[in-house]
Amino acid sequence: MAFTLYSLLQASLLIVNAVAVLHEERFLRHVGWGSDQGIGGFGEEPGIKAQLTNLIRSVRTVMRGKRSIIIIIIIFFLYFFP
């Protein structure tokens, strides 16, 4: 299998899906990465845990509707252009 732009798009979609399905109450809070875990004081730089939690929350918010459209397009191309 050659490394193409299409395979890069598929890999990025798999990573976005993996991040998007991480549920905060079911999984992240049990690991210690809940939204209330990374609260710092005023003027302090957020730690790596708080930054990753914000990244996960942002990916889930931004890619909520767009993700399903991209999945439909990729399934279409996989089905008709093997």
PDB file of N, CA and C in Angstrom:
ATOM      1  N   MET A   1       0.839  -1.177   0.000  1.00  0.00           N
ATOM      2  CA  MET A   1       0.000   0.000   0.000  1.00  0.00           C
ATOM      3  C   MET A   1       0.883   1.239   0.000  1.00  0.00           C
ATOM      4  N   ALA A   2       0.622   2.098  -0.924  1.00  0.00           N
ATOM      5  CA  ALA A   2       1.421   3.304  -1.078  1.00  0.00           C
ATOM      6  C   ALA A   2       0.929   4.387  -0.119  1.00  0.00           C
ATOM      7  N   PHE A   3       1.830   5.265   0.216  1.00  0.00           N
ATOM      8  CA  PHE A   3       1.498   6.386   1.096  1.00  0.00           C
ATOM      9  C   PHE A   3       0.979   7.518   0.212  1.00  0.00           C
ATOM     10  N   THR A   4      -0.321   7.765   0.278  1.00  0.00           N
ATOM     11  CA  THR A   4      -0.943   8.795  -0.548  1.00  0.00           C
ATOM     12  C   THR A   4      -1.676   9.790   0.341  1.00  0.00           C
ATOM     13  N   LEU A   5      -2.199  10.808  -0.303  1.00  0.00           N
ATOM     14  CA  LEU A   5      -2.982  11.803   0.418  1.00  0.00           C
ATOM     15  C   LEU A   5      -4.265  11.181   0.968  1.00  0.00           C
ATOM     16  N   TYR A   6      -4.814  10.238   0.221  1.00  0.00           N
ATOM     17  CA  TYR A   6      -6.024   9.560   0.664  1.00  0.00           C
ATOM     18  C   TYR A   6      -5.775   8.722   1.922  1.00  0.00           C
ATOM     19  N   SER A   7      -4.647   8.016   1.968  1.00  0.00           N
ATOM     20  CA  SER A   7      -4.332   7.230   3.166  1.00  0.00           C
ATOM     21  C   SER A   7      -4.035   8.145   4.355  1.00  0.00           C
ATOM     22  N   LEU A   8      -3.453   9.295   4.104  1.00  0.00           N
ATOM     23  CA  LEU A   8      -3.229  10.274   5.168  1.00  0.00           C
ATOM     24  C   LEU A   8      -4.557  10.814   5.699  1.00  0.00           C
ATOM     25  N   LEU A   9      -5.523  11.038   4.804  1.00  0.00           N
ATOM     26  CA  LEU A   9      -6.853  11.483   5.216  1.00  0.00           C
ATOM     27  C   LEU A   9      -7.553  10.408   6.047  1.00  0.00           C
ATOM     28  N   GLN A  10      -7.421   9.153   5.647  1.00  0.00           N
ATOM     29  CA  GLN A  10      -8.018   8.062   6.419  1.00  0.00           C
ATOM     30  C   GLN A  10      -7.395   7.953   7.808  1.00  0.00           C
ATOM     31  N   ALA A  11      -6.088   8.063   7.889  1.00  0.00           N
ATOM     32  CA  ALA A  11      -5.409   7.972   9.185  1.00  0.00           C
ATOM     33  C   ALA A  11      -5.822   9.127  10.099  1.00  0.00           C
ATOM     34  N   SER A  12      -5.917  10.321   9.553  1.00  0.00           N
ATOM     35  CA  SER A  12      -6.326  11.461  10.380  1.00  0.00           C
ATOM     36  C   SER A  12      -7.772  11.317  10.825  1.00  0.00           C
ATOM     37  N   LEU A  13      -8.631  10.751   9.984  1.00  0.00           N
ATOM     38  CA  LEU A  13     -10.013  10.523  10.383  1.00  0.00           C
ATOM     39  C   LEU A  13     -10.103   9.491  11.497  1.00  0.00           C
ATOM     40  N   LEU A  14      -9.284   8.456  11.439  1.00  0.00           N
ATOM     41  CA  LEU A  14      -9.271   7.463  12.508  1.00  0.00           C
ATOM     42  C   LEU A  14      -8.817   8.076  13.834  1.00  0.00           C
ATOM     43  N   ILE A  15      -7.836   8.956  13.784  1.00  0.00           N
ATOM     44  CA  ILE A  15      -7.356   9.605  15.007  1.00  0.00           C
ATOM     45  C   ILE A  15      -8.423  10.546  15.571  1.00  0.00           C
ATOM     46  N   VAL A  16      -9.085  11.309  14.695  1.00  0.00           N
ATOM     47  CA  VAL A  16     -10.148  12.211  15.150  1.00  0.00           C
ATOM     48  C   VAL A  16     -11.304  11.418  15.749  1.00  0.00           C
ATOM     49  N   ASN A  17     -11.651  10.291  15.132  1.00  0.00           N
ATOM     50  CA  ASN A  17     -12.705   9.443  15.692  1.00  0.00           C
ATOM     51  C   ASN A  17     -12.308   8.896  17.050  1.00  0.00           C
ATOM     52  N   ALA A  18     -11.062   8.496  17.188  1.00  0.00           N
ATOM     53  CA  ALA A  18     -10.596   7.967  18.467  1.00  0.00           C
ATOM     54  C   ALA A  18     -10.669   9.024  19.566  1.00  0.00           C
ATOM     55  N   VAL A  19     -10.339  10.254  19.232  1.00  0.00           N
ATOM     56  CA  VAL A  19     -10.412  11.331  20.219  1.00  0.00           C
ATOM     57  C   VAL A  19     -11.864  11.700  20.507  1.00  0.00           C
ATOM     58  N   ALA A  20     -12.701  11.660  19.467  1.00  0.00           N
ATOM     59  CA  ALA A  20     -14.087  12.102  19.632  1.00  0.00           C
ATOM     60  C   ALA A  20     -14.919  11.142  20.467  1.00  0.00           C
ATOM     61  N   VAL A  21     -14.563   9.869  20.496  1.00  0.00           N
ATOM     62  CA  VAL A  21     -15.382   8.920  21.250  1.00  0.00           C
ATOM     63  C   VAL A  21     -14.976   8.837  22.711  1.00  0.00           C
ATOM     64  N   LEU A  22     -13.950   9.537  23.128  1.00  0.00           N
ATOM     65  CA  LEU A  22     -13.572   9.529  24.539  1.00  0.00           C
ATOM     66  C   LEU A  22     -14.608  10.313  25.338  1.00  0.00           C
ATOM     67  N   HIS A  23     -15.405   9.618  26.075  1.00  0.00           N
ATOM     68  CA  HIS A  23     -16.462  10.247  26.858  1.00  0.00           C
ATOM     69  C   HIS A  23     -15.870  10.733  28.183  1.00  0.00           C
ATOM     70  N   GLU A  24     -16.224  11.940  28.567  1.00  0.00           N
ATOM     71  CA  GLU A  24     -15.583  12.553  29.729  1.00  0.00           C
ATOM     72  C   GLU A  24     -15.963  11.878  31.040  1.00  0.00           C
ATOM     73  N   GLU A  25     -17.255  11.599  31.231  1.00  0.00           N
ATOM     74  CA  GLU A  25     -17.666  10.990  32.493  1.00  0.00           C
ATOM     75  C   GLU A  25     -17.328   9.505  32.551  1.00  0.00           C
ATOM     76  N   ARG A  26     -17.400   8.827  31.430  1.00  0.00           N
ATOM     77  CA  ARG A  26     -17.199   7.377  31.445  1.00  0.00           C
ATOM     78  C   ARG A  26     -15.742   6.964  31.450  1.00  0.00           C
ATOM     79  N   PHE A  27     -14.902   7.685  30.733  1.00  0.00           N
ATOM     80  CA  PHE A  27     -13.516   7.249  30.596  1.00  0.00           C
ATOM     81  C   PHE A  27     -12.522   8.233  31.190  1.00  0.00           C
ATOM     82  N   LEU A  28     -12.593   9.476  30.790  1.00  0.00           N
ATOM     83  CA  LEU A  28     -11.557  10.444  31.157  1.00  0.00           C
ATOM     84  C   LEU A  28     -11.531  10.727  32.650  1.00  0.00           C
ATOM     85  N   ARG A  29     -12.676  10.784  33.298  1.00  0.00           N
ATOM     86  CA  ARG A  29     -12.698  11.078  34.722  1.00  0.00           C
ATOM     87  C   ARG A  29     -12.115   9.922  35.532  1.00  0.00           C
ATOM     88  N   HIS A  30     -12.294   8.675  35.065  1.00  0.00           N
ATOM     89  CA  HIS A  30     -11.721   7.521  35.764  1.00  0.00           C
ATOM     90  C   HIS A  30     -10.205   7.491  35.658  1.00  0.00           C
ATOM     91  N   VAL A  31      -9.678   8.064  34.583  1.00  0.00           N
ATOM     92  CA  VAL A  31      -8.237   8.111  34.396  1.00  0.00           C
ATOM     93  C   VAL A  31      -7.627   9.311  35.119  1.00  0.00           C
ATOM     94  N   GLY A  32      -8.475  10.263  35.501  1.00  0.00           N
ATOM     95  CA  GLY A  32      -7.992  11.461  36.178  1.00  0.00           C
ATOM     96  C   GLY A  32      -7.858  12.639  35.245  1.00  0.00           C
ATOM     97  N   TRP A  33      -8.522  12.577  34.086  1.00  0.00           N
ATOM     98  CA  TRP A  33      -8.433  13.651  33.102  1.00  0.00           C
ATOM     99  C   TRP A  33      -9.767  14.343  32.926  1.00  0.00           C
ATOM    100  N   GLY A  34     -10.564  14.434  33.969  1.00  0.00           N
ATOM    101  CA  GLY A  34     -11.850  15.107  33.889  1.00  0.00           C
ATOM    102  C   GLY A  34     -11.674  16.605  33.732  1.00  0.00           C
ATOM    103  N   SER A  35     -12.762  17.292  33.432  1.00  0.00           N
ATOM    104  CA  SER A  35     -12.683  18.734  33.210  1.00  0.00           C
ATOM    105  C   SER A  35     -12.351  19.488  34.496  1.00  0.00           C
ATOM    106  N   ASP A  36     -12.708  18.955  35.648  1.00  0.00           N
ATOM    107  CA  ASP A  36     -12.432  19.641  36.902  1.00  0.00           C
ATOM    108  C   ASP A  36     -11.051  19.312  37.461  1.00  0.00           C
ATOM    109  N   GLN A  37     -10.303  18.452  36.802  1.00  0.00           N
ATOM    110  CA  GLN A  37      -8.994  18.044  37.310  1.00  0.00           C
ATOM    111  C   GLN A  37      -7.895  19.068  37.019  1.00  0.00           C
ATOM    112  N   GLY A  38      -8.016  19.807  35.911  1.00  0.00           N
ATOM    113  CA  GLY A  38      -6.921  20.674  35.503  1.00  0.00           C
ATOM    114  C   GLY A  38      -7.114  22.138  35.793  1.00  0.00           C
ATOM    115  N   ILE A  39      -7.881  22.501  36.796  1.00  0.00           N
ATOM    116  CA  ILE A  39      -8.140  23.904  37.105  1.00  0.00           C
ATOM    117  C   ILE A  39      -6.949  24.484  37.847  1.00  0.00           C
ATOM    118  N   GLY A  40      -6.401  25.541  37.294  1.00  0.00           N
ATOM    119  CA  GLY A  40      -5.260  26.191  37.925  1.00  0.00           C
ATOM    120  C   GLY A  40      -5.637  27.566  38.432  1.00  0.00           C
ATOM    121  N   GLY A  41      -4.685  28.253  38.999  1.00  0.00           N
ATOM    122  CA  GLY A  41      -4.931  29.589  39.507  1.00  0.00           C
ATOM    123  C   GLY A  41      -4.815  30.643  38.424  1.00  0.00           C
ATOM    124  N   PHE A  42      -5.126  31.868  38.783  1.00  0.00           N
ATOM    125  CA  PHE A  42      -5.063  32.971  37.833  1.00  0.00           C
ATOM    126  C   PHE A  42      -3.608  33.293  37.513  1.00  0.00           C
ATOM    127  N   GLY A  43      -3.292  33.406  36.241  1.00  0.00           N
ATOM    128  CA  GLY A  43      -1.949  33.757  35.816  1.00  0.00           C
ATOM    129  C   GLY A  43      -1.015  32.575  35.683  1.00  0.00           C
ATOM    130  N   GLU A  44      -1.447  31.390  36.061  1.00  0.00           N
ATOM    131  CA  GLU A  44      -0.600  30.210  35.933  1.00  0.00           C
ATOM    132  C   GLU A  44      -0.763  29.596  34.553  1.00  0.00           C
ATOM    133  N   GLU A  45       0.320  29.060  34.045  1.00  0.00           N
ATOM    134  CA  GLU A  45       0.251  28.347  32.773  1.00  0.00           C
ATOM    135  C   GLU A  45      -0.412  26.993  33.015  1.00  0.00           C
ATOM    136  N   PRO A  46      -1.342  26.596  32.138  1.00  0.00           N
ATOM    137  CA  PRO A  46      -1.973  25.280  32.324  1.00  0.00           C
ATOM    138  C   PRO A  46      -0.968  24.168  32.041  1.00  0.00           C
ATOM    139  N   GLY A  47      -1.077  23.096  32.780  1.00  0.00           N
ATOM    140  CA  GLY A  47      -0.182  21.968  32.611  1.00  0.00           C
ATOM    141  C   GLY A  47      -0.527  21.176  31.362  1.00  0.00           C
ATOM    142  N   ILE A  48       0.286  20.159  31.096  1.00  0.00           N
ATOM    143  CA  ILE A  48       0.088  19.357  29.895  1.00  0.00           C
ATOM    144  C   ILE A  48      -1.228  18.592  29.967  1.00  0.00           C
ATOM    145  N   LYS A  49      -1.624  18.165  31.160  1.00  0.00           N
ATOM    146  CA  LYS A  49      -2.886  17.431  31.318  1.00  0.00           C
ATOM    147  C   LYS A  49      -4.073  18.337  30.987  1.00  0.00           C
ATOM    148  N   ALA A  50      -4.050  19.566  31.449  1.00  0.00           N
ATOM    149  CA  ALA A  50      -5.135  20.505  31.166  1.00  0.00           C
ATOM    150  C   ALA A  50      -5.175  20.869  29.686  1.00  0.00           C
ATOM    151  N   GLN A  51      -4.017  20.994  29.066  1.00  0.00           N
ATOM    152  CA  GLN A  51      -3.974  21.305  27.641  1.00  0.00           C
ATOM    153  C   GLN A  51      -4.519  20.156  26.800  1.00  0.00           C
ATOM    154  N   LEU A  52      -4.172  18.918  27.157  1.00  0.00           N
ATOM    155  CA  LEU A  52      -4.691  17.772  26.420  1.00  0.00           C
ATOM    156  C   LEU A  52      -6.194  17.605  26.627  1.00  0.00           C
ATOM    157  N   THR A  53      -6.663  17.871  27.827  1.00  0.00           N
ATOM    158  CA  THR A  53      -8.101  17.804  28.081  1.00  0.00           C
ATOM    159  C   THR A  53      -8.840  18.849  27.264  1.00  0.00           C
ATOM    160  N   ASN A  54      -8.302  20.058  27.184  1.00  0.00           N
ATOM    161  CA  ASN A  54      -8.915  21.101  26.358  1.00  0.00           C
ATOM    162  C   ASN A  54      -8.870  20.737  24.880  1.00  0.00           C
ATOM    163  N   LEU A  55      -7.785  20.099  24.429  1.00  0.00           N
ATOM    164  CA  LEU A  55      -7.681  19.668  23.032  1.00  0.00           C
ATOM    165  C   LEU A  55      -8.737  18.613  22.717  1.00  0.00           C
ATOM    166  N   ILE A  56      -8.925  17.653  23.602  1.00  0.00           N
ATOM    167  CA  ILE A  56      -9.931  16.615  23.396  1.00  0.00           C
ATOM    168  C   ILE A  56     -11.321  17.229  23.338  1.00  0.00           C
ATOM    169  N   ARG A  57     -11.616  18.141  24.252  1.00  0.00           N
ATOM    170  CA  ARG A  57     -12.921  18.798  24.272  1.00  0.00           C
ATOM    171  C   ARG A  57     -13.132  19.644  23.016  1.00  0.00           C
ATOM    172  N   SER A  58     -12.094  20.302  22.543  1.00  0.00           N
ATOM    173  CA  SER A  58     -12.206  21.125  21.342  1.00  0.00           C
ATOM    174  C   SER A  58     -12.421  20.280  20.096  1.00  0.00           C
ATOM    175  N   VAL A  59     -11.711  19.159  19.996  1.00  0.00           N
ATOM    176  CA  VAL A  59     -11.886  18.279  18.840  1.00  0.00           C
ATOM    177  C   VAL A  59     -13.300  17.726  18.816  1.00  0.00           C
ATOM    178  N   ARG A  60     -13.818  17.327  19.969  1.00  0.00           N
ATOM    179  CA  ARG A  60     -15.188  16.818  20.010  1.00  0.00           C
ATOM    180  C   ARG A  60     -16.184  17.889  19.598  1.00  0.00           C
ATOM    181  N   THR A  61     -15.965  19.130  20.008  1.00  0.00           N
ATOM    182  CA  THR A  61     -16.901  20.206  19.696  1.00  0.00           C
ATOM    183  C   THR A  61     -16.847  20.595  18.228  1.00  0.00           C
ATOM    184  N   VAL A  62     -15.659  20.769  17.698  1.00  0.00           N
ATOM    185  CA  VAL A  62     -15.508  21.262  16.336  1.00  0.00           C
ATOM    186  C   VAL A  62     -15.884  20.210  15.298  1.00  0.00           C
ATOM    187  N   MET A  63     -15.512  18.968  15.531  1.00  0.00           N
ATOM    188  CA  MET A  63     -15.718  17.930  14.529  1.00  0.00           C
ATOM    189  C   MET A  63     -17.029  17.169  14.703  1.00  0.00           C
ATOM    190  N   ARG A  64     -17.961  17.685  15.455  1.00  0.00           N
ATOM    191  CA  ARG A  64     -19.205  16.956  15.728  1.00  0.00           C
ATOM    192  C   ARG A  64     -19.981  16.680  14.447  1.00  0.00           C
ATOM    193  N   GLY A  65     -20.257  17.666  13.640  1.00  0.00           N
ATOM    194  CA  GLY A  65     -21.035  17.462  12.420  1.00  0.00           C
ATOM    195  C   GLY A  65     -20.178  17.139  11.212  1.00  0.00           C
ATOM    196  N   LYS A  66     -19.012  17.714  11.168  1.00  0.00           N
ATOM    197  CA  LYS A  66     -18.137  17.522  10.012  1.00  0.00           C
ATOM    198  C   LYS A  66     -17.610  16.099   9.913  1.00  0.00           C
ATOM    199  N   ARG A  67     -17.468  15.450  11.042  1.00  0.00           N
ATOM    200  CA  ARG A  67     -16.909  14.107  11.071  1.00  0.00           C
ATOM    201  C   ARG A  67     -17.791  13.124  10.324  1.00  0.00           C
ATOM    202  N   SER A  68     -19.093  13.210  10.492  1.00  0.00           N
ATOM    203  CA  SER A  68     -19.989  12.280   9.815  1.00  0.00           C
ATOM    204  C   SER A  68     -19.983  12.500   8.305  1.00  0.00           C
ATOM    205  N   ILE A  69     -19.872  13.733   7.862  1.00  0.00           N
ATOM    206  CA  ILE A  69     -19.800  14.021   6.425  1.00  0.00           C
ATOM    207  C   ILE A  69     -18.517  13.449   5.836  1.00  0.00           C
ATOM    208  N   ILE A  70     -17.413  13.610   6.515  1.00  0.00           N
ATOM    209  CA  ILE A  70     -16.144  13.075   6.032  1.00  0.00           C
ATOM    210  C   ILE A  70     -16.181  11.551   5.995  1.00  0.00           C
ATOM    211  N   ILE A  71     -16.798  10.925   6.984  1.00  0.00           N
ATOM    212  CA  ILE A  71     -16.903   9.465   7.000  1.00  0.00           C
ATOM    213  C   ILE A  71     -17.731   8.975   5.816  1.00  0.00           C
ATOM    214  N   ILE A  72     -18.827   9.653   5.512  1.00  0.00           N
ATOM    215  CA  ILE A  72     -19.660   9.262   4.370  1.00  0.00           C
ATOM    216  C   ILE A  72     -18.887   9.389   3.061  1.00  0.00           C
ATOM    217  N   ILE A  73     -18.108  10.441   2.913  1.00  0.00           N
ATOM    218  CA  ILE A  73     -17.313  10.624   1.695  1.00  0.00           C
ATOM    219  C   ILE A  73     -16.261   9.526   1.567  1.00  0.00           C
ATOM    220  N   ILE A  74     -15.596   9.184   2.652  1.00  0.00           N
ATOM    221  CA  ILE A  74     -14.565   8.145   2.597  1.00  0.00           C
ATOM    222  C   ILE A  74     -15.184   6.782   2.310  1.00  0.00           C
ATOM    223  N   ILE A  75     -16.324   6.484   2.910  1.00  0.00           N
ATOM    224  CA  ILE A  75     -16.993   5.214   2.608  1.00  0.00           C
ATOM    225  C   ILE A  75     -17.412   5.163   1.152  1.00  0.00           C
ATOM    226  N   PHE A  76     -17.886   6.272   0.615  1.00  0.00           N
ATOM    227  CA  PHE A  76     -18.249   6.338  -0.798  1.00  0.00           C
ATOM    228  C   PHE A  76     -17.042   6.031  -1.685  1.00  0.00           C
ATOM    229  N   PHE A  77     -15.911   6.657  -1.410  1.00  0.00           N
ATOM    230  CA  PHE A  77     -14.725   6.416  -2.218  1.00  0.00           C
ATOM    231  C   PHE A  77     -14.200   5.000  -2.047  1.00  0.00           C
ATOM    232  N   LEU A  78     -14.278   4.446  -0.862  1.00  0.00           N
ATOM    233  CA  LEU A  78     -13.840   3.058  -0.659  1.00  0.00           C
ATOM    234  C   LEU A  78     -14.737   2.069  -1.393  1.00  0.00           C
ATOM    235  N   TYR A  79     -16.012   2.368  -1.458  1.00  0.00           N
ATOM    236  CA  TYR A  79     -16.951   1.463  -2.103  1.00  0.00           C
ATOM    237  C   TYR A  79     -16.853   1.513  -3.626  1.00  0.00           C
ATOM    238  N   PHE A  80     -16.784   2.713  -4.194  1.00  0.00           N
ATOM    239  CA  PHE A  80     -16.796   2.846  -5.643  1.00  0.00           C
ATOM    240  C   PHE A  80     -15.415   2.891  -6.296  1.00  0.00           C
ATOM    241  N   PHE A  81     -14.385   3.208  -5.554  1.00  0.00           N
ATOM    242  CA  PHE A  81     -13.025   3.264  -6.104  1.00  0.00           C
ATOM    243  C   PHE A  81     -12.080   2.460  -5.222  1.00  0.00           C
ATOM    244  N   PRO A  82     -12.107   1.118  -5.347  1.00  0.00           N
ATOM    245  CA  PRO A  82     -11.274   0.294  -4.437  1.00  0.00           C
ATOM    246  C   PRO A  82      -9.817   0.383  -4.688  1.00  0.00           C
TER     247      PRO A  82
END
